[in-house]
Amino acid sequence: MMDTNGEGSLRGKGSLQLHPARGSGPMLVCSLAGAALLLCVPPHAHAQQARGAAAKPPPTARAQEPFDPTGYWVSLITQNWQYRMVVPGPGEYADIPMNPQAKKTADAWHAAAAIAAGQQCEAYGAAVLMRNPERLHISWQDDEMLQVQTDEGMQTRLLHFKAASGTPPPPSLQGFSTAHWILDTTVNTFGAPLGGAAGHPPYGSLRIDTSDLLPGLLRKNGVPYGADTKMSEYWDLREISPTQQWLTVSTKVQDPQYLFEPYVYDSIFQKEPDGSKWDPSPCSLTS
């Protein structure tokens, strides 16, 4: 029996160190597990475990996705049909909070001059791209970047989930978009998770912020937006039925040059089974 008054005494269920004889190898770190079980491990094992845990990379954006945004989607024109499906005439500015400077610019704008100057794609910039009647093809370019292509105007947006490094890209029609998932693990009143497919978080939205835009048009009758425009979007998936999915895109456009308040609109896209109806066409100010 161990002498309870000696140097090796066991007091309660704490930990102790057993000092080996000189030259007998590394010291063991020991602890009592339970009333009678003594566990001893080399100290370097704890360090290896800590290093292994710290080295585990964070999950990628693709791994965290609460819903699958990829595939082919078609616009559902549920509102403002007269401004979206038909090129509006001069002075048709309803629903856009444009200031007097924007109205003056739009009143002086002429489609023929814009076409002659090769400016047709100004009506397909990021600030209004998701408002156009079109089909989308969404795919993961890699685990941290979504690619959004449109058949109408043949535009491409890149949604970056990781911070960009190096020199910022120059302004462009589609600007620079950063994205992140807003995940919600809330459970319902019965304790069951809300929504979510197997392997996915229960619910979430995609938040996108876009800046570094070239000036463009909010409408094909000359309503402008300026170079300081910034926009934010929320994408959500709605399961209408077991075979029908809607992607809703809520957009807020802020332009200190031409808008006296944010221009807010919603767009809805319905999932298609494949790309058989994909029909790329160039930018146009007349259709």
Protein backbone atom coordinates (compact mmCIF):
# COMPACT_ATOMS: atom_id res chain seq x y z
CA MET A 1 0.00 0.00 0.00
CA MET A 2 1.27 3.52 -0.86
CA ASP A 3 2.30 5.70 2.02
CA THR A 4 -0.35 8.44 2.13
CA ASN A 5 2.12 10.78 3.80
CA GLY A 6 4.94 10.39 1.23
CA GLU A 7 5.92 12.41 -1.80
CA GLY A 8 3.87 10.21 -4.10
CA SER A 9 0.67 10.59 -2.13
CA LEU A 10 -2.67 10.61 -4.02
CA ARG A 11 -4.94 13.29 -2.64
CA GLY A 12 -8.44 13.15 -4.08
CA LYS A 13 -8.81 12.75 -7.87
CA GLY A 14 -6.34 15.33 -9.12
CA SER A 15 -3.29 14.88 -11.33
CA LEU A 16 0.29 14.10 -10.42
CA GLN A 17 3.66 13.72 -12.11
CA LEU A 18 5.81 10.60 -11.77
CA HIS A 19 9.47 11.50 -12.12
CA PRO A 20 11.42 8.70 -13.79
CA ALA A 21 14.95 7.79 -12.89
CA ARG A 22 17.65 9.87 -14.56
CA GLY A 23 18.18 8.70 -18.16
CA SER A 24 15.04 6.57 -18.27
CA GLY A 25 13.26 8.62 -21.01
CA PRO A 26 10.73 11.48 -21.17
CA MET A 27 8.54 12.31 -18.22
CA LEU A 28 4.98 10.96 -18.28
CA VAL A 29 2.01 13.18 -17.43
CA CYS A 30 -0.48 11.11 -15.45
CA SER A 31 -3.98 11.63 -14.15
CA LEU A 32 -6.53 9.66 -12.22
CA ALA A 33 -9.59 8.68 -14.27
CA GLY A 34 -12.10 7.41 -11.82
CA ALA A 35 -11.25 5.96 -8.44
CA ALA A 36 -8.56 3.45 -9.39
CA LEU A 37 -7.44 3.97 -13.02
CA LEU A 38 -4.17 5.81 -13.59
CA LEU A 39 -3.62 7.14 -17.15
CA CYS A 40 -0.20 8.27 -18.35
CA VAL A 41 0.64 9.82 -21.71
CA PRO A 42 3.78 11.54 -23.01
CA PRO A 43 3.43 15.37 -22.95
CA HIS A 44 4.19 15.62 -26.68
CA ALA A 45 0.97 13.70 -27.40
CA HIS A 46 -1.10 16.58 -26.01
CA ALA A 47 0.83 19.05 -28.14
CA GLN A 48 0.28 16.94 -31.25
CA GLN A 49 -3.47 16.79 -30.56
CA ALA A 50 -3.63 20.57 -30.06
CA ARG A 51 -1.71 21.21 -33.27
CA GLY A 52 -3.96 18.80 -35.18
CA ALA A 53 -7.12 20.55 -33.96
CA ALA A 54 -5.75 23.99 -34.82
CA ALA A 55 -4.69 22.89 -38.31
CA LYS A 56 -8.19 21.81 -39.36
CA PRO A 57 -9.29 24.25 -42.11
CA PRO A 58 -12.61 26.11 -41.79
CA PRO A 59 -15.48 24.79 -43.92
CA THR A 60 -15.69 26.20 -47.44
CA ALA A 61 -18.61 28.28 -48.67
CA ARG A 62 -19.75 25.36 -50.78
CA ALA A 63 -19.68 23.01 -47.78
CA GLN A 64 -21.77 25.46 -45.72
CA GLU A 65 -24.49 26.07 -48.31
CA PRO A 66 -27.95 25.85 -46.68
CA PHE A 67 -29.52 25.39 -50.12
CA ASP A 68 -28.24 24.51 -53.57
CA PRO A 69 -28.35 27.59 -55.84
CA THR A 70 -26.82 25.86 -58.84
CA GLY A 71 -28.58 24.96 -62.06
CA TYR A 72 -30.80 26.76 -64.56
CA TRP A 73 -33.42 29.31 -63.49
CA VAL A 74 -35.96 31.36 -65.44
CA SER A 75 -37.46 34.75 -64.51
CA LEU A 76 -41.06 34.83 -63.29
CA ILE A 77 -42.45 38.26 -64.20
CA THR A 78 -44.90 38.79 -61.34
CA GLN A 79 -44.75 42.60 -61.18
CA ASN A 80 -43.94 45.64 -63.35
CA TRP A 81 -44.53 43.67 -66.54
CA GLN A 82 -44.89 46.88 -68.57
CA TYR A 83 -41.36 47.99 -67.66
CA ARG A 84 -39.63 44.61 -67.80
CA MET A 85 -41.13 42.79 -70.78
CA VAL A 86 -41.57 45.88 -72.98
CA VAL A 87 -38.98 48.60 -73.54
CA PRO A 88 -40.50 51.64 -71.77
CA GLY A 89 -40.98 54.83 -73.71
CA PRO A 90 -39.52 58.26 -72.94
CA GLY A 91 -40.53 59.61 -69.54
CA GLU A 92 -41.79 56.25 -68.15
CA TYR A 93 -39.94 56.52 -64.86
CA ALA A 94 -42.51 55.23 -62.37
CA ASP A 95 -41.27 53.19 -59.38
CA ILE A 96 -37.70 54.53 -59.55
CA PRO A 97 -36.83 57.15 -56.87
CA MET A 98 -34.81 59.28 -59.28
CA ASN A 99 -33.80 62.81 -58.38
CA PRO A 100 -34.04 65.86 -60.69
CA GLN A 101 -30.54 65.29 -62.02
CA ALA A 102 -31.45 61.74 -63.05
CA LYS A 103 -34.63 62.94 -64.76
CA LYS A 104 -32.71 65.58 -66.68
CA THR A 105 -30.18 62.96 -67.82
CA ALA A 106 -32.88 60.47 -68.80
CA ASP A 107 -34.88 63.08 -70.70
CA ALA A 108 -31.80 63.90 -72.81
CA TRP A 109 -30.91 60.26 -73.49
CA HIS A 110 -31.55 58.66 -76.93
CA ALA A 111 -31.30 54.95 -77.67
CA ALA A 112 -29.95 55.51 -81.20
CA ALA A 113 -27.01 57.52 -79.89
CA ALA A 114 -26.28 54.94 -77.19
CA ILE A 115 -26.35 52.12 -79.75
CA ALA A 116 -24.06 54.04 -82.09
CA ALA A 117 -21.63 54.48 -79.19
CA GLY A 118 -21.73 50.74 -78.39
CA GLN A 119 -23.39 51.28 -75.01
CA GLN A 120 -26.13 48.64 -75.28
CA CYS A 121 -24.82 46.67 -72.32
CA GLU A 122 -25.21 49.62 -69.92
CA ALA A 123 -28.74 48.29 -69.31
CA TYR A 124 -27.23 44.95 -68.16
CA GLY A 125 -25.05 46.11 -65.28
CA ALA A 126 -25.24 44.43 -61.88
CA ALA A 127 -27.57 47.10 -60.45
CA VAL A 128 -30.41 45.90 -62.67
CA LEU A 129 -29.22 42.62 -64.21
CA MET A 130 -31.37 40.38 -62.00
CA ARG A 131 -34.41 42.51 -62.91
CA ASN A 132 -34.21 41.64 -66.61
CA PRO A 133 -36.37 38.84 -68.05
CA GLU A 134 -33.81 36.09 -68.55
CA ARG A 135 -32.46 32.71 -67.65
CA LEU A 136 -29.65 32.19 -65.16
CA HIS A 137 -27.04 29.48 -65.10
CA ILE A 138 -25.50 29.32 -61.62
CA SER A 139 -22.50 27.13 -60.87
CA TRP A 140 -19.60 26.86 -58.43
CA GLN A 141 -16.42 28.06 -60.13
CA ASP A 142 -14.58 26.71 -57.09
CA ASP A 143 -15.44 26.05 -53.44
CA GLU A 144 -15.31 29.78 -52.59
CA MET A 145 -16.84 31.41 -55.69
CA LEU A 146 -20.23 31.23 -57.38
CA GLN A 147 -20.61 32.11 -61.05
CA VAL A 148 -23.88 33.58 -62.33
CA GLN A 149 -24.38 33.71 -66.10
CA THR A 150 -27.34 35.24 -67.94
CA ASP A 151 -28.52 34.27 -71.40
CA GLU A 152 -30.05 37.74 -71.93
CA GLY A 153 -27.09 40.03 -72.59
CA MET A 154 -24.62 37.17 -71.95
CA GLN A 155 -23.32 38.65 -68.70
CA THR A 156 -21.28 36.92 -65.98
CA ARG A 157 -21.19 37.78 -62.28
CA LEU A 158 -18.69 36.30 -59.84
CA LEU A 159 -19.68 36.06 -56.17
CA HIS A 160 -16.58 35.93 -53.95
CA PHE A 161 -16.90 34.25 -50.54
CA LYS A 162 -13.24 34.86 -49.65
CA ALA A 163 -11.64 38.27 -49.34
CA ALA A 164 -9.73 39.31 -52.43
CA SER A 165 -5.97 39.70 -52.20
CA GLY A 166 -3.71 41.93 -54.23
CA THR A 167 -4.71 44.91 -56.35
CA PRO A 168 -8.49 45.51 -56.53
CA PRO A 169 -9.97 44.94 -59.99
CA PRO A 170 -10.94 48.02 -62.02
CA PRO A 171 -14.63 49.06 -62.09
CA SER A 172 -16.80 47.03 -64.44
CA LEU A 173 -20.45 46.55 -65.42
CA GLN A 174 -20.81 43.72 -62.91
CA GLY A 175 -18.55 45.30 -60.30
CA PHE A 176 -17.01 43.29 -57.47
CA SER A 177 -19.37 41.15 -55.38
CA THR A 178 -18.64 39.68 -51.97
CA ALA A 179 -20.95 37.00 -50.60
CA HIS A 180 -21.57 35.16 -47.37
CA TRP A 181 -24.15 32.74 -46.02
CA ILE A 182 -26.42 33.86 -43.20
CA LEU A 183 -27.15 30.58 -41.42
CA ASP A 184 -30.08 29.99 -39.08
CA THR A 185 -30.19 26.85 -36.94
CA THR A 186 -33.48 27.71 -35.29
CA VAL A 187 -35.84 24.85 -34.48
CA ASN A 188 -39.60 24.99 -34.66
CA THR A 189 -41.99 24.78 -31.72
CA PHE A 190 -41.85 20.96 -31.83
CA GLY A 191 -38.06 20.96 -31.54
CA ALA A 192 -37.47 19.92 -35.15
CA PRO A 193 -35.00 21.79 -37.38
CA LEU A 194 -36.50 24.26 -39.84
CA GLY A 195 -36.09 23.09 -43.46
CA GLY A 196 -32.73 22.04 -44.85
CA ALA A 197 -31.74 19.02 -46.86
CA ALA A 198 -29.64 16.21 -45.43
CA GLY A 199 -26.11 17.38 -44.79
CA HIS A 200 -27.05 21.09 -45.00
CA PRO A 201 -27.66 23.59 -42.20
CA PRO A 202 -31.39 23.93 -41.48
CA TYR A 203 -31.96 27.30 -43.13
CA GLY A 204 -30.10 30.25 -44.54
CA SER A 205 -29.93 33.17 -46.93
CA LEU A 206 -27.19 34.37 -49.24
CA ARG A 207 -26.09 37.99 -48.70
CA ILE A 208 -24.27 39.72 -51.58
CA ASP A 209 -22.72 43.21 -51.58
CA THR A 210 -21.53 44.78 -54.83
CA SER A 211 -19.43 47.88 -55.49
CA ASP A 212 -16.83 49.08 -58.04
CA LEU A 213 -19.47 49.52 -60.73
CA LEU A 214 -19.25 51.40 -63.99
CA PRO A 215 -22.17 53.79 -64.63
CA GLY A 216 -25.17 52.16 -66.28
CA LEU A 217 -28.93 52.25 -66.83
CA LEU A 218 -31.67 51.22 -64.45
CA ARG A 219 -34.14 51.15 -67.33
CA LYS A 220 -33.79 50.96 -71.12
CA ASN A 221 -35.15 54.49 -71.57
CA GLY A 222 -32.12 56.23 -70.12
CA VAL A 223 -32.68 56.19 -66.33
CA PRO A 224 -29.06 56.33 -65.08
CA TYR A 225 -27.07 55.11 -62.13
CA GLY A 226 -23.63 56.43 -61.30
CA ALA A 227 -20.14 55.17 -60.49
CA ASP A 228 -20.69 55.45 -56.71
CA THR A 229 -23.60 53.02 -56.79
CA LYS A 230 -23.57 50.19 -54.28
CA MET A 231 -26.06 47.36 -54.02
CA SER A 232 -26.97 44.58 -51.62
CA GLU A 233 -28.98 41.43 -52.26
CA TYR A 234 -30.55 38.61 -50.27
CA TRP A 235 -31.17 35.30 -52.01
CA ASP A 236 -33.60 32.79 -50.53
CA LEU A 237 -34.89 29.45 -51.72
CA ARG A 238 -38.60 28.66 -51.50
CA GLU A 239 -39.91 25.11 -51.91
CA ILE A 240 -43.25 25.69 -53.63
CA SER A 241 -43.86 21.96 -54.12
CA PRO A 242 -41.74 18.80 -54.19
CA THR A 243 -40.95 19.55 -57.85
CA GLN A 244 -41.00 23.36 -57.86
CA GLN A 245 -38.37 25.69 -56.41
CA TRP A 246 -38.25 29.47 -56.47
CA LEU A 247 -35.17 31.59 -55.95
CA THR A 248 -36.18 35.00 -54.62
CA VAL A 249 -33.72 37.87 -54.96
CA SER A 250 -34.34 41.04 -52.92
CA THR A 251 -32.18 43.93 -54.14
CA LYS A 252 -31.41 47.38 -52.76
CA VAL A 253 -29.60 49.85 -55.02
CA GLN A 254 -28.09 52.98 -53.44
CA ASP A 255 -26.81 55.79 -55.65
CA PRO A 256 -25.98 59.18 -54.10
CA GLN A 257 -25.73 60.77 -57.55
CA TYR A 258 -29.09 59.91 -59.12
CA LEU A 259 -31.40 58.44 -56.44
CA PHE A 260 -32.93 60.34 -53.53
CA GLU A 261 -33.55 57.05 -51.69
CA PRO A 262 -32.66 53.38 -52.29
CA TYR A 263 -34.26 51.65 -55.26
CA VAL A 264 -35.64 48.37 -53.92
CA TYR A 265 -37.04 45.55 -56.00
CA ASP A 266 -37.66 41.79 -55.86
CA SER A 267 -37.01 39.24 -58.57
CA ILE A 268 -38.19 35.62 -58.66
CA PHE A 269 -36.64 32.76 -60.60
CA GLN A 270 -38.05 29.27 -61.03
CA LYS A 271 -35.78 26.22 -61.21
CA GLU A 272 -35.68 24.44 -64.57
CA PRO A 273 -34.79 20.76 -64.96
CA ASP A 274 -31.94 21.41 -67.40
CA GLY A 275 -30.44 23.90 -69.83
CA SER A 276 -32.46 22.92 -72.88
CA LYS A 277 -34.12 26.37 -73.01
CA TRP A 278 -30.88 28.30 -72.52
CA ASP A 279 -30.74 30.84 -75.36
CA PRO A 280 -27.84 33.35 -75.19
CA SER A 281 -28.51 36.68 -76.94
CA PRO A 282 -26.48 39.92 -77.03
CA CYS A 283 -27.28 43.13 -75.17
CA SER A 284 -30.12 45.14 -76.72
CA LEU A 285 -31.77 48.49 -76.00
CA THR A 286 -34.72 47.78 -78.31
CA SER A 287 -36.01 44.48 -76.94
